[in-house]
Amino acid sequence: MQVHYTIRTMVDPDFTKIDDEYNVYATDKLTNEEIEKYMEIIRDEMRLVTSLYKNDYIIILTDDNIPINVSDEVAAYAEQYDVAGATLARKKVIMINYNSIRYALLHELGHAVDKTYGFSQTEELLAFYNRCDQECYYTVNEQEFFAETYKMYLWGMLNNGSLGAEMCEYFDNICNNTN
């Protein structure tokens, strides 16, 4: 099955559905071997987010650079950073450049989780955000901070210092107590 998905400033590529369980579409340029390789990564990383991710987004794997101006949602840091993925919450679409899937997928799933529950706007997360060094790209705004620290938590990399330990406790709590 093919889907023709139009996003504001992109050339309108055709994508083929490659997975029903996670609603994944991919560019027709991928070989079957590449599809299986990327689906293995997706399955592994989806196992990490199952307690919060509602699986109601379409995931599109593309070989194109994700255009920064695909939505107002990513425009805040458009001039400073290359984007390997984008979460278009209003359209329920996650776009990933498949060459960056290991880095970008959990981050973008973090945005989807945040859009579902609004964690980035809670007092507790805002307090963590305000304590962090503002030099990293993921401290550009609260949404980027949530998505990146959620990814780091799922990878087991969020345990440095007292802030890391406190954030691990925060993520343990929301992952175990949010339905």
Foldseek 3Di string as FASTA:
>chain_A
DKDFDDFDPDDTAIWDQDDDVLQETEGPVDDPVLSVVLVVLVVVVCVLCVLQQPSQAHEYEYQDFDQQVSDPVRVLCNVPDGDQWDQDQVRRYIYGHSVCCNPPVQLNSQLNSCVVPVPLPDPVLVVLLVPDDCPDPQSSGSSSVRSVLRVCLSVVNQCPDPSSVVVNVVVVCCSVPPD
